[in-house]
Amino acid sequence: MKLTPLKLPVHLAALLLALTALPHAAALATSTNRTFTVASSGHLIINADRGAITVATADTNTLSVTVDRSVKWASDEKAQELFAAHELNFTQTGNTVTVKARLPKSTALWNRTISNLDVKYTVTVPKKFDLTLSTAGGSIHVDDLAGQLKLDTAGGSIHVGQIEGSVKADTAGGSIHIASATGPVEADTAGGSIKLGRMGGPVKADTAGGSIRIAAAAGPVHADTSGGSIELSDVAGPVTADVSGGSITARFIAAPTGESVLDCTGGSVTVYLAQKLGFTLDAQSVGGRVACDLAVESDRKPSRTSLKGQINGGGAPLKLRAVGGGITVRSLAEKTP
């Protein structure tokens, strides 16, 4: 049909209206910022339904929170509707600031458009501050800080700087990295590696699938992985390490006050002992050899797969178990860099 000049503007208007209703590939964004006056040693609580959280520190008496939200593949109308439905609540009680975010499960909005909602939290706090951060999906990053940290994500990595205090980090899927901490540390991931720097207190590290690395630990260490290796350097306290499907390496630089148990299934166990440290050794392997480069005093005849006795006059029990791999005990001075 041939269009008349009079009808052409009407058709163009209809076409433009239809185009504006189409989803946009480019993200539509909005930003929300709040600033609170706080004192040192306060507490920040974030309970987010989604999104990455980044926390920086500064010499300041204010706490600032910026929430950046964006939506891809949605019309302007749908994006604005989603922004309005995504509830952001900021409250302050004394020296505690709480941020909560949630999206009600409305039948009108609960569709694939919601999965295109991206949220990022950028926070600045005083250098001495406690943090309780929780997100249902996204990474958590915290800079150097003095305080008590409780970090939880349902899916994402956790990266923490140098902490004067305790850290409890939990992720349902992602790696955990903590540069250092003076207090107790708990790191738990359902799937990912755990890397810890210098730890001043007791450590508990658990992963369902990944390696565990600890650079130094002054207190007791409990490390458990269902699929990966464990490497413990410069430990001074009792160690409990359990591996399924990997090896265990531990360097003792001081004599622990309690029993240490290193148990490995599907790999080898290698222990380095600083000179003149006393231990009561009990090493047994199934499917591998037991070798010790240090003098062991024992009233039992050693075998290829078992060795029990005292090293340097005895001391705290050191139990080594391996299934499907060997056990080696060496002097720390013999460890190659």
C-alpha atoms as a PDB file:
ATOM      1  CA  MET A   1       0.000   0.000   0.000  1.00  0.00           C
ATOM      2  CA  LYS A   2       1.288   3.422  -0.917  1.00  0.00           C
ATOM      3  CA  LEU A   3       1.608   5.801   2.020  1.00  0.00           C
ATOM      4  CA  THR A   4       0.293   9.323   1.696  1.00  0.00           C
ATOM      5  CA  PRO A   5       2.327  12.251   3.024  1.00  0.00           C
ATOM      6  CA  LEU A   6      -0.345  12.792   5.676  1.00  0.00           C
ATOM      7  CA  LYS A   7      -0.078   9.234   7.071  1.00  0.00           C
ATOM      8  CA  LEU A   8       3.737   9.038   7.019  1.00  0.00           C
ATOM      9  CA  PRO A   9       4.349  10.972  10.273  1.00  0.00           C
ATOM     10  CA  VAL A  10       1.857   8.714  12.057  1.00  0.00           C
ATOM     11  CA  HIS A  11       3.689   5.584  10.969  1.00  0.00           C
ATOM     12  CA  LEU A  12       7.046   7.104  11.924  1.00  0.00           C
ATOM     13  CA  ALA A  13       5.770   7.970  15.369  1.00  0.00           C
ATOM     14  CA  ALA A  14       4.511   4.422  15.868  1.00  0.00           C
ATOM     15  CA  LEU A  15       7.867   3.041  14.744  1.00  0.00           C
ATOM     16  CA  LEU A  16       9.787   5.284  17.139  1.00  0.00           C
ATOM     17  CA  LEU A  17       7.483   4.313  19.985  1.00  0.00           C
ATOM     18  CA  ALA A  18       8.084   0.615  19.294  1.00  0.00           C
ATOM     19  CA  LEU A  19      11.855   1.116  19.190  1.00  0.00           C
ATOM     20  CA  THR A  20      11.907   2.815  22.600  1.00  0.00           C
ATOM     21  CA  ALA A  21      10.138  -0.212  24.087  1.00  0.00           C
ATOM     22  CA  LEU A  22      12.829  -2.608  22.880  1.00  0.00           C
ATOM     23  CA  PRO A  23      15.456  -3.789  25.400  1.00  0.00           C
ATOM     24  CA  HIS A  24      18.772  -1.896  25.454  1.00  0.00           C
ATOM     25  CA  ALA A  25      22.076  -3.748  25.103  1.00  0.00           C
ATOM     26  CA  ALA A  26      23.788  -0.852  26.883  1.00  0.00           C
ATOM     27  CA  ALA A  27      23.364  -0.757  30.642  1.00  0.00           C
ATOM     28  CA  LEU A  28      20.984   1.702  32.264  1.00  0.00           C
ATOM     29  CA  ALA A  29      22.489   2.817  35.575  1.00  0.00           C
ATOM     30  CA  THR A  30      21.670   4.628  38.784  1.00  0.00           C
ATOM     31  CA  SER A  31      23.801   5.506  41.810  1.00  0.00           C
ATOM     32  CA  THR A  32      22.802   6.036  45.442  1.00  0.00           C
ATOM     33  CA  ASN A  33      25.147   7.550  48.038  1.00  0.00           C
ATOM     34  CA  ARG A  34      24.823   7.959  51.803  1.00  0.00           C
ATOM     35  CA  THR A  35      27.291   9.464  54.286  1.00  0.00           C
ATOM     36  CA  PHE A  36      27.204   8.982  58.073  1.00  0.00           C
ATOM     37  CA  THR A  37      29.157  10.616  60.883  1.00  0.00           C
ATOM     38  CA  VAL A  38      30.755   7.879  62.988  1.00  0.00           C
ATOM     39  CA  ALA A  39      33.509   7.347  65.531  1.00  0.00           C
ATOM     40  CA  SER A  40      36.324   4.836  65.433  1.00  0.00           C
ATOM     41  CA  SER A  41      35.502   1.277  66.576  1.00  0.00           C
ATOM     42  CA  GLY A  42      32.041   1.401  65.072  1.00  0.00           C
ATOM     43  CA  HIS A  43      30.230  -1.351  63.192  1.00  0.00           C
ATOM     44  CA  LEU A  44      29.052  -1.607  59.585  1.00  0.00           C
ATOM     45  CA  ILE A  45      26.440  -4.217  58.663  1.00  0.00           C
ATOM     46  CA  ILE A  46      25.548  -4.917  55.030  1.00  0.00           C
ATOM     47  CA  ASN A  47      22.904  -7.489  54.166  1.00  0.00           C
ATOM     48  CA  ALA A  48      22.598  -7.551  50.387  1.00  0.00           C
ATOM     49  CA  ASP A  49      20.488  -9.725  48.142  1.00  0.00           C
ATOM     50  CA  ARG A  50      23.174  -9.502  45.429  1.00  0.00           C
ATOM     51  CA  GLY A  51      26.286  -7.613  44.389  1.00  0.00           C
ATOM     52  CA  ALA A  52      29.992  -7.216  45.047  1.00  0.00           C
ATOM     53  CA  ILE A  53      31.163  -5.326  48.138  1.00  0.00           C
ATOM     54  CA  THR A  54      34.405  -3.312  48.298  1.00  0.00           C
ATOM     55  CA  VAL A  55      35.553  -1.669  51.532  1.00  0.00           C
ATOM     56  CA  ALA A  56      38.370   0.869  51.751  1.00  0.00           C
ATOM     57  CA  THR A  57      39.687   2.670  54.840  1.00  0.00           C
ATOM     58  CA  ALA A  58      40.716   6.254  55.517  1.00  0.00           C
ATOM     59  CA  ASP A  59      41.655   8.628  58.344  1.00  0.00           C
ATOM     60  CA  THR A  60      38.129   9.946  58.692  1.00  0.00           C
ATOM     61  CA  ASN A  61      35.159  10.237  61.045  1.00  0.00           C
ATOM     62  CA  THR A  62      32.653   9.517  58.302  1.00  0.00           C
ATOM     63  CA  LEU A  63      31.332   6.365  56.691  1.00  0.00           C
ATOM     64  CA  SER A  64      30.249   6.557  53.069  1.00  0.00           C
ATOM     65  CA  VAL A  65      28.293   3.982  51.068  1.00  0.00           C
ATOM     66  CA  THR A  66      27.755   4.151  47.326  1.00  0.00           C
ATOM     67  CA  VAL A  67      25.422   1.660  45.670  1.00  0.00           C
ATOM     68  CA  ASP A  68      25.762   1.478  41.892  1.00  0.00           C
ATOM     69  CA  ARG A  69      23.024  -0.421  40.078  1.00  0.00           C
ATOM     70  CA  SER A  70      22.714  -1.179  36.388  1.00  0.00           C
ATOM     71  CA  VAL A  71      20.415  -3.195  34.134  1.00  0.00           C
ATOM     72  CA  LYS A  72      21.180  -4.602  30.702  1.00  0.00           C
ATOM     73  CA  TRP A  73      18.787  -5.870  28.056  1.00  0.00           C
ATOM     74  CA  ALA A  74      15.761  -4.064  29.422  1.00  0.00           C
ATOM     75  CA  SER A  75      13.628  -1.194  28.254  1.00  0.00           C
ATOM     76  CA  ASP A  76      13.838   2.138  30.067  1.00  0.00           C
ATOM     77  CA  GLU A  77      10.462   1.471  31.638  1.00  0.00           C
ATOM     78  CA  LYS A  78      11.417  -2.017  32.885  1.00  0.00           C
ATOM     79  CA  ALA A  79      14.788  -0.809  34.199  1.00  0.00           C
ATOM     80  CA  GLN A  80      13.229   2.049  36.167  1.00  0.00           C
ATOM     81  CA  GLU A  81      10.573  -0.311  37.501  1.00  0.00           C
ATOM     82  CA  LEU A  82      13.307  -2.702  38.656  1.00  0.00           C
ATOM     83  CA  PHE A  83      15.300   0.094  40.322  1.00  0.00           C
ATOM     84  CA  ALA A  84      12.185   1.234  42.176  1.00  0.00           C
ATOM     85  CA  ALA A  85      11.344  -2.289  43.333  1.00  0.00           C
ATOM     86  CA  HIS A  86      14.893  -2.992  44.565  1.00  0.00           C
ATOM     87  CA  GLU A  87      14.623  -1.749  48.140  1.00  0.00           C
ATOM     88  CA  LEU A  88      17.626   0.005  49.709  1.00  0.00           C
ATOM     89  CA  ASN A  89      17.437   0.827  53.423  1.00  0.00           C
ATOM     90  CA  PHE A  90      20.099   2.808  55.337  1.00  0.00           C
ATOM     91  CA  THR A  91      19.898   3.177  59.121  1.00  0.00           C
ATOM     92  CA  GLN A  92      22.206   4.378  61.890  1.00  0.00           C
ATOM     93  CA  THR A  93      21.878   3.469  65.548  1.00  0.00           C
ATOM     94  CA  GLY A  94      24.623   5.018  67.633  1.00  0.00           C
ATOM     95  CA  ASN A  95      27.897   3.986  66.022  1.00  0.00           C
ATOM     96  CA  THR A  96      26.347   1.170  63.980  1.00  0.00           C
ATOM     97  CA  VAL A  97      25.371   1.679  60.341  1.00  0.00           C
ATOM     98  CA  THR A  98      23.162  -0.917  58.642  1.00  0.00           C
ATOM     99  CA  VAL A  99      22.524  -1.278  54.921  1.00  0.00           C
ATOM    100  CA  LYS A 100      19.880  -3.700  53.682  1.00  0.00           C
ATOM    101  CA  ALA A 101      18.896  -4.464  50.110  1.00  0.00           C
ATOM    102  CA  ARG A 102      16.191  -6.777  48.848  1.00  0.00           C
ATOM    103  CA  LEU A 103      13.994  -7.359  45.827  1.00  0.00           C
ATOM    104  CA  PRO A 104      10.494  -8.641  46.625  1.00  0.00           C
ATOM    105  CA  LYS A 105       9.470 -11.701  44.639  1.00  0.00           C
ATOM    106  CA  SER A 106       6.794  -9.948  42.678  1.00  0.00           C
ATOM    107  CA  THR A 107       5.262 -11.991  39.867  1.00  0.00           C
ATOM    108  CA  ALA A 108       5.419  -8.951  37.623  1.00  0.00           C
ATOM    109  CA  LEU A 109       9.179  -8.577  38.052  1.00  0.00           C
ATOM    110  CA  TRP A 110      10.405 -12.037  38.941  1.00  0.00           C
ATOM    111  CA  ASN A 111      11.630 -12.969  35.476  1.00  0.00           C
ATOM    112  CA  ARG A 112      14.896 -13.095  33.607  1.00  0.00           C
ATOM    113  CA  THR A 113      15.171  -9.290  33.667  1.00  0.00           C
ATOM    114  CA  ILE A 114      16.107  -9.564  37.332  1.00  0.00           C
ATOM    115  CA  SER A 115      19.180 -11.631  36.489  1.00  0.00           C
ATOM    116  CA  ASN A 116      20.423  -8.638  34.482  1.00  0.00           C
ATOM    117  CA  LEU A 117      20.441  -6.424  37.585  1.00  0.00           C
ATOM    118  CA  ASP A 118      24.052  -5.735  38.598  1.00  0.00           C
ATOM    119  CA  VAL A 119      24.812  -4.155  41.979  1.00  0.00           C
ATOM    120  CA  LYS A 120      28.094  -2.897  43.422  1.00  0.00           C
ATOM    121  CA  TYR A 121      28.712  -1.541  46.931  1.00  0.00           C
ATOM    122  CA  THR A 122      31.663   0.802  47.442  1.00  0.00           C
ATOM    123  CA  VAL A 123      32.311   1.686  51.069  1.00  0.00           C
ATOM    124  CA  THR A 124      34.811   3.826  52.968  1.00  0.00           C
ATOM    125  CA  VAL A 125      35.149   3.422  56.748  1.00  0.00           C
ATOM    126  CA  PRO A 126      37.556   4.612  59.459  1.00  0.00           C
ATOM    127  CA  LYS A 127      40.703   2.495  59.801  1.00  0.00           C
ATOM    128  CA  LYS A 128      39.383   0.939  63.000  1.00  0.00           C
ATOM    129  CA  PHE A 129      35.941  -0.521  62.376  1.00  0.00           C
ATOM    130  CA  ASP A 130      34.056  -3.817  62.656  1.00  0.00           C
ATOM    131  CA  LEU A 131      32.460  -5.288  59.539  1.00  0.00           C
ATOM    132  CA  THR A 132      29.608  -7.751  59.066  1.00  0.00           C
ATOM    133  CA  LEU A 133      29.120  -8.148  55.324  1.00  0.00           C
ATOM    134  CA  SER A 134      26.760 -10.563  53.606  1.00  0.00           C
ATOM    135  CA  THR A 135      25.765 -10.853  49.958  1.00  0.00           C
ATOM    136  CA  ALA A 136      23.716 -13.483  48.173  1.00  0.00           C
ATOM    137  CA  GLY A 137      26.021 -13.297  45.176  1.00  0.00           C
ATOM    138  CA  GLY A 138      29.225 -11.357  44.554  1.00  0.00           C
ATOM    139  CA  SER A 139      32.807 -10.935  45.666  1.00  0.00           C
ATOM    140  CA  ILE A 140      33.948  -9.199  48.879  1.00  0.00           C
ATOM    141  CA  HIS A 141      37.115  -7.112  49.079  1.00  0.00           C
ATOM    142  CA  VAL A 142      38.357  -5.461  52.291  1.00  0.00           C
ATOM    143  CA  ASP A 143      41.492  -3.315  52.575  1.00  0.00           C
ATOM    144  CA  ASP A 144      43.832  -3.163  55.589  1.00  0.00           C
ATOM    145  CA  LEU A 145      41.736  -2.664  58.728  1.00  0.00           C
ATOM    146  CA  ALA A 146      41.705  -2.918  62.516  1.00  0.00           C
ATOM    147  CA  GLY A 147      38.544  -4.694  63.638  1.00  0.00           C
ATOM    148  CA  GLN A 148      36.489  -7.860  63.707  1.00  0.00           C
ATOM    149  CA  LEU A 149      35.394  -9.138  60.288  1.00  0.00           C
ATOM    150  CA  LYS A 150      32.504 -11.453  59.429  1.00  0.00           C
ATOM    151  CA  LEU A 151      32.232 -11.945  55.674  1.00  0.00           C
ATOM    152  CA  ASP A 152      29.740 -14.165  53.861  1.00  0.00           C
ATOM    153  CA  THR A 153      28.892 -14.581  50.184  1.00  0.00           C
ATOM    154  CA  ALA A 154      26.716 -17.170  48.497  1.00  0.00           C
ATOM    155  CA  GLY A 155      28.940 -17.101  45.437  1.00  0.00           C
ATOM    156  CA  GLY A 156      32.162 -15.174  44.892  1.00  0.00           C
ATOM    157  CA  SER A 157      35.729 -14.746  46.070  1.00  0.00           C
ATOM    158  CA  ILE A 158      36.812 -13.053  49.320  1.00  0.00           C
ATOM    159  CA  HIS A 159      39.970 -10.940  49.428  1.00  0.00           C
ATOM    160  CA  VAL A 160      41.148  -9.380  52.703  1.00  0.00           C
ATOM    161  CA  GLY A 161      44.196  -7.235  53.426  1.00  0.00           C
ATOM    162  CA  GLN A 162      46.187  -6.916  56.657  1.00  0.00           C
ATOM    163  CA  ILE A 163      43.811  -7.168  59.611  1.00  0.00           C
ATOM    164  CA  GLU A 164      44.464  -6.251  63.238  1.00  0.00           C
ATOM    165  CA  GLY A 165      41.761  -8.483  64.628  1.00  0.00           C
ATOM    166  CA  SER A 166      39.797 -11.597  63.730  1.00  0.00           C
ATOM    167  CA  VAL A 167      38.396 -12.769  60.392  1.00  0.00           C
ATOM    168  CA  LYS A 168      35.549 -15.160  59.634  1.00  0.00           C
ATOM    169  CA  ALA A 169      35.170 -15.644  55.878  1.00  0.00           C
ATOM    170  CA  ASP A 170      32.639 -17.965  54.252  1.00  0.00           C
ATOM    171  CA  THR A 171      31.801 -18.432  50.569  1.00  0.00           C
ATOM    172  CA  ALA A 172      29.621 -21.007  48.842  1.00  0.00           C
ATOM    173  CA  GLY A 173      31.875 -20.928  45.804  1.00  0.00           C
ATOM    174  CA  GLY A 174      35.117 -19.003  45.357  1.00  0.00           C
ATOM    175  CA  SER A 175      38.639 -18.523  46.641  1.00  0.00           C
ATOM    176  CA  ILE A 176      39.634 -16.877  49.936  1.00  0.00           C
ATOM    177  CA  HIS A 177      42.767 -14.783  50.384  1.00  0.00           C
ATOM    178  CA  ILE A 178      43.739 -13.112  53.677  1.00  0.00           C
ATOM    179  CA  ALA A 179      47.046 -11.245  53.740  1.00  0.00           C
ATOM    180  CA  SER A 180      47.480 -11.331  57.540  1.00  0.00           C
ATOM    181  CA  ALA A 181      45.523 -11.290  60.791  1.00  0.00           C
ATOM    182  CA  THR A 182      46.495 -10.924  64.433  1.00  0.00           C
ATOM    183  CA  GLY A 183      43.427 -12.720  65.812  1.00  0.00           C
ATOM    184  CA  PRO A 184      41.566 -15.962  65.115  1.00  0.00           C
ATOM    185  CA  VAL A 185      40.823 -16.784  61.473  1.00  0.00           C
ATOM    186  CA  GLU A 186      38.138 -19.037  59.998  1.00  0.00           C
ATOM    187  CA  ALA A 187      38.059 -19.530  56.245  1.00  0.00           C
ATOM    188  CA  ASP A 188      35.481 -21.815  54.649  1.00  0.00           C
ATOM    189  CA  THR A 189      34.671 -22.311  50.972  1.00  0.00           C
ATOM    190  CA  ALA A 190      32.518 -24.891  49.244  1.00  0.00           C
ATOM    191  CA  GLY A 191      34.742 -24.771  46.185  1.00  0.00           C
ATOM    192  CA  GLY A 192      37.972 -22.811  45.826  1.00  0.00           C
ATOM    193  CA  SER A 193      41.473 -22.329  47.146  1.00  0.00           C
ATOM    194  CA  ILE A 194      42.433 -20.746  50.473  1.00  0.00           C
ATOM    195  CA  LYS A 195      45.565 -18.634  50.763  1.00  0.00           C
ATOM    196  CA  LEU A 196      46.521 -17.161  54.120  1.00  0.00           C
ATOM    197  CA  GLY A 197      49.531 -15.011  54.938  1.00  0.00           C
ATOM    198  CA  ARG A 198      50.949 -14.431  58.416  1.00  0.00           C
ATOM    199  CA  MET A 199      48.428 -15.602  61.016  1.00  0.00           C
ATOM    200  CA  GLY A 200      48.879 -14.520  64.632  1.00  0.00           C
ATOM    201  CA  GLY A 201      46.087 -16.610  66.175  1.00  0.00           C
ATOM    202  CA  PRO A 202      44.375 -19.952  65.704  1.00  0.00           C
ATOM    203  CA  VAL A 203      43.430 -20.863  62.134  1.00  0.00           C
ATOM    204  CA  LYS A 204      40.646 -23.009  60.734  1.00  0.00           C
ATOM    205  CA  ALA A 205      40.668 -23.461  56.956  1.00  0.00           C
ATOM    206  CA  ASP A 206      38.214 -25.732  55.148  1.00  0.00           C
ATOM    207  CA  THR A 207      37.526 -26.203  51.438  1.00  0.00           C
ATOM    208  CA  ALA A 208      35.463 -28.801  49.624  1.00  0.00           C
ATOM    209  CA  GLY A 209      37.683 -28.539  46.570  1.00  0.00           C
ATOM    210  CA  GLY A 210      40.932 -26.586  46.362  1.00  0.00           C
ATOM    211  CA  SER A 211      44.374 -26.116  47.833  1.00  0.00           C
ATOM    212  CA  ILE A 212      45.226 -24.528  51.197  1.00  0.00           C
ATOM    213  CA  ARG A 213      48.349 -22.393  51.685  1.00  0.00           C
ATOM    214  CA  ILE A 214      49.378 -20.780  54.968  1.00  0.00           C
ATOM    215  CA  ALA A 215      52.577 -18.708  55.024  1.00  0.00           C
ATOM    216  CA  ALA A 216      52.953 -18.582  58.827  1.00  0.00           C
ATOM    217  CA  ALA A 217      50.854 -19.505  61.857  1.00  0.00           C
ATOM    218  CA  ALA A 218      51.697 -18.794  65.481  1.00  0.00           C
ATOM    219  CA  GLY A 219      48.697 -20.669  66.895  1.00  0.00           C
ATOM    220  CA  PRO A 220      46.909 -23.964  66.318  1.00  0.00           C
ATOM    221  CA  VAL A 221      46.022 -24.836  62.720  1.00  0.00           C
ATOM    222  CA  HIS A 222      43.141 -26.956  61.453  1.00  0.00           C
ATOM    223  CA  ALA A 223      43.178 -27.440  57.671  1.00  0.00           C
ATOM    224  CA  ASP A 224      40.874 -29.692  55.672  1.00  0.00           C
ATOM    225  CA  THR A 225      40.410 -30.130  51.912  1.00  0.00           C
ATOM    226  CA  SER A 226      38.495 -32.717  49.933  1.00  0.00           C
ATOM    227  CA  GLY A 227      40.383 -32.078  46.715  1.00  0.00           C
ATOM    228  CA  GLY A 228      43.742 -30.352  46.745  1.00  0.00           C
ATOM    229  CA  SER A 229      47.025 -30.058  48.579  1.00  0.00           C
ATOM    230  CA  ILE A 230      47.907 -28.398  51.897  1.00  0.00           C
ATOM    231  CA  GLU A 231      51.102 -26.416  52.398  1.00  0.00           C
ATOM    232  CA  LEU A 232      51.866 -25.026  55.848  1.00  0.00           C
ATOM    233  CA  SER A 233      54.979 -22.883  56.253  1.00  0.00           C
ATOM    234  CA  ASP A 234      56.494 -21.677  59.523  1.00  0.00           C
ATOM    235  CA  VAL A 235      53.951 -23.175  61.918  1.00  0.00           C
ATOM    236  CA  ALA A 236      54.535 -23.032  65.656  1.00  0.00           C
ATOM    237  CA  GLY A 237      51.365 -24.556  67.094  1.00  0.00           C
ATOM    238  CA  PRO A 238      49.616 -27.919  66.897  1.00  0.00           C
ATOM    239  CA  VAL A 239      48.447 -28.897  63.411  1.00  0.00           C
ATOM    240  CA  THR A 240      45.489 -30.974  62.295  1.00  0.00           C
ATOM    241  CA  ALA A 241      45.548 -31.448  58.522  1.00  0.00           C
ATOM    242  CA  ASP A 242      43.312 -33.725  56.472  1.00  0.00           C
ATOM    243  CA  VAL A 243      43.543 -34.194  52.703  1.00  0.00           C
ATOM    244  CA  SER A 244      41.636 -36.339  50.225  1.00  0.00           C
ATOM    245  CA  GLY A 245      43.282 -36.296  46.819  1.00  0.00           C
ATOM    246  CA  GLY A 246      46.430 -34.276  47.423  1.00  0.00           C
ATOM    247  CA  SER A 247      49.631 -33.973  49.424  1.00  0.00           C
ATOM    248  CA  ILE A 248      50.543 -32.340  52.755  1.00  0.00           C
ATOM    249  CA  THR A 249      53.700 -30.331  53.421  1.00  0.00           C
ATOM    250  CA  ALA A 250      54.364 -28.759  56.828  1.00  0.00           C
ATOM    251  CA  ARG A 251      57.314 -26.833  58.284  1.00  0.00           C
ATOM    252  CA  PHE A 252      57.531 -26.732  62.078  1.00  0.00           C
ATOM    253  CA  ILE A 253      59.688 -23.864  63.352  1.00  0.00           C
ATOM    254  CA  ALA A 254      58.779 -24.380  67.019  1.00  0.00           C
ATOM    255  CA  ALA A 255      57.689 -27.265  69.198  1.00  0.00           C
ATOM    256  CA  PRO A 256      53.872 -27.345  69.497  1.00  0.00           C
ATOM    257  CA  THR A 257      52.330 -27.682  72.941  1.00  0.00           C
ATOM    258  CA  GLY A 258      49.817 -30.260  71.744  1.00  0.00           C
ATOM    259  CA  GLU A 259      49.356 -33.179  69.417  1.00  0.00           C
ATOM    260  CA  SER A 260      49.662 -32.759  65.645  1.00  0.00           C
ATOM    261  CA  VAL A 261      47.901 -35.106  63.207  1.00  0.00           C
ATOM    262  CA  LEU A 262      48.547 -35.021  59.461  1.00  0.00           C
ATOM    263  CA  ASP A 263      46.329 -37.422  57.507  1.00  0.00           C
ATOM    264  CA  CYS A 264      46.488 -37.830  53.736  1.00  0.00           C
ATOM    265  CA  THR A 265      44.517 -40.040  51.346  1.00  0.00           C
ATOM    266  CA  GLY A 266      45.794 -40.154  47.783  1.00  0.00           C
ATOM    267  CA  GLY A 267      49.079 -38.338  48.262  1.00  0.00           C
ATOM    268  CA  SER A 268      52.262 -37.962  50.287  1.00  0.00           C
ATOM    269  CA  VAL A 269      53.102 -36.331  53.628  1.00  0.00           C
ATOM    270  CA  THR A 270      56.315 -34.326  54.002  1.00  0.00           C
ATOM    271  CA  VAL A 271      57.320 -32.726  57.303  1.00  0.00           C
ATOM    272  CA  TYR A 272      60.289 -30.459  57.999  1.00  0.00           C
ATOM    273  CA  LEU A 273      61.412 -29.975  61.598  1.00  0.00           C
ATOM    274  CA  ALA A 274      63.613 -27.166  62.865  1.00  0.00           C
ATOM    275  CA  GLN A 275      66.814 -28.382  64.484  1.00  0.00           C
ATOM    276  CA  LYS A 276      66.660 -29.616  68.084  1.00  0.00           C
ATOM    277  CA  LEU A 277      62.860 -29.704  68.189  1.00  0.00           C
ATOM    278  CA  GLY A 278      61.546 -32.644  70.180  1.00  0.00           C
ATOM    279  CA  PHE A 279      58.650 -34.796  68.949  1.00  0.00           C
ATOM    280  CA  THR A 280      57.199 -38.214  69.601  1.00  0.00           C
ATOM    281  CA  LEU A 281      56.823 -39.597  66.102  1.00  0.00           C
ATOM    282  CA  ASP A 282      54.163 -42.040  64.946  1.00  0.00           C
ATOM    283  CA  ALA A 283      54.268 -42.429  61.151  1.00  0.00           C
ATOM    284  CA  GLN A 284      52.342 -45.063  59.201  1.00  0.00           C
ATOM    285  CA  SER A 285      51.761 -45.443  55.484  1.00  0.00           C
ATOM    286  CA  VAL A 286      49.574 -47.756  53.414  1.00  0.00           C
ATOM    287  CA  GLY A 287      50.913 -48.055  49.894  1.00  0.00           C
ATOM    288  CA  GLY A 288      54.070 -46.027  50.422  1.00  0.00           C
ATOM    289  CA  ARG A 289      57.354 -45.836  52.311  1.00  0.00           C
ATOM    290  CA  VAL A 290      58.212 -44.040  55.551  1.00  0.00           C
ATOM    291  CA  ALA A 291      61.573 -42.266  55.600  1.00  0.00           C
ATOM    292  CA  CYS A 292      63.153 -40.081  58.300  1.00  0.00           C
ATOM    293  CA  ASP A 293      66.466 -38.259  57.975  1.00  0.00           C
ATOM    294  CA  LEU A 294      66.579 -37.510  61.722  1.00  0.00           C
ATOM    295  CA  ALA A 295      67.690 -39.849  64.493  1.00  0.00           C
ATOM    296  CA  VAL A 296      64.731 -41.669  66.059  1.00  0.00           C
ATOM    297  CA  GLU A 297      65.068 -43.376  69.430  1.00  0.00           C
ATOM    298  CA  SER A 298      62.784 -46.388  69.564  1.00  0.00           C
ATOM    299  CA  ASP A 299      62.542 -49.791  71.205  1.00  0.00           C
ATOM    300  CA  ARG A 300      60.709 -51.041  68.138  1.00  0.00           C
ATOM    301  CA  LYS A 301      62.253 -52.258  64.950  1.00  0.00           C
ATOM    302  CA  PRO A 302      61.369 -49.832  62.140  1.00  0.00           C
ATOM    303  CA  SER A 303      59.667 -51.157  59.022  1.00  0.00           C
ATOM    304  CA  ARG A 304      59.317 -49.936  55.475  1.00  0.00           C
ATOM    305  CA  THR A 305      55.831 -48.550  56.172  1.00  0.00           C
ATOM    306  CA  SER A 306      55.942 -47.631  59.865  1.00  0.00           C
ATOM    307  CA  LEU A 307      58.193 -45.673  62.233  1.00  0.00           C
ATOM    308  CA  LYS A 308      57.595 -44.824  65.893  1.00  0.00           C
ATOM    309  CA  GLY A 309      59.918 -43.224  68.414  1.00  0.00           C
ATOM    310  CA  GLN A 310      61.335 -40.062  69.914  1.00  0.00           C
ATOM    311  CA  ILE A 311      63.115 -37.285  68.047  1.00  0.00           C
ATOM    312  CA  ASN A 312      65.512 -35.140  70.119  1.00  0.00           C
ATOM    313  CA  GLY A 313      64.341 -36.697  73.372  1.00  0.00           C
ATOM    314  CA  GLY A 314      60.633 -36.650  72.532  1.00  0.00           C
ATOM    315  CA  GLY A 315      57.922 -34.093  72.885  1.00  0.00           C
ATOM    316  CA  ALA A 316      54.406 -33.453  71.617  1.00  0.00           C
ATOM    317  CA  PRO A 317      52.931 -36.340  69.576  1.00  0.00           C
ATOM    318  CA  LEU A 318      53.366 -36.059  65.800  1.00  0.00           C
ATOM    319  CA  LYS A 319      51.071 -38.504  64.013  1.00  0.00           C
ATOM    320  CA  LEU A 320      51.530 -38.909  60.275  1.00  0.00           C
ATOM    321  CA  ARG A 321      49.215 -41.027  58.150  1.00  0.00           C
ATOM    322  CA  ALA A 322      49.233 -41.637  54.405  1.00  0.00           C
ATOM    323  CA  VAL A 323      47.155 -43.887  52.161  1.00  0.00           C
ATOM    324  CA  GLY A 324      48.456 -44.202  48.635  1.00  0.00           C
ATOM    325  CA  GLY A 325      51.626 -42.199  49.223  1.00  0.00           C
ATOM    326  CA  GLY A 326      54.812 -42.017  51.238  1.00  0.00           C
ATOM    327  CA  ILE A 327      55.835 -40.161  54.401  1.00  0.00           C
ATOM    328  CA  THR A 328      59.073 -38.201  54.702  1.00  0.00           C
ATOM    329  CA  VAL A 329      60.479 -36.409  57.776  1.00  0.00           C
ATOM    330  CA  ARG A 330      63.454 -34.102  57.252  1.00  0.00           C
ATOM    331  CA  SER A 331      65.461 -31.414  58.969  1.00  0.00           C
ATOM    332  CA  LEU A 332      64.209 -27.930  58.154  1.00  0.00           C
ATOM    333  CA  ALA A 333      67.760 -26.915  57.234  1.00  0.00           C
ATOM    334  CA  GLU A 334      67.606 -29.372  54.333  1.00  0.00           C
ATOM    335  CA  LYS A 335      64.556 -27.759  52.733  1.00  0.00           C
ATOM    336  CA  THR A 336      65.352 -26.166  49.444  1.00  0.00           C
ATOM    337  CA  PRO A 337      64.213 -22.521  48.989  1.00  0.00           C
END
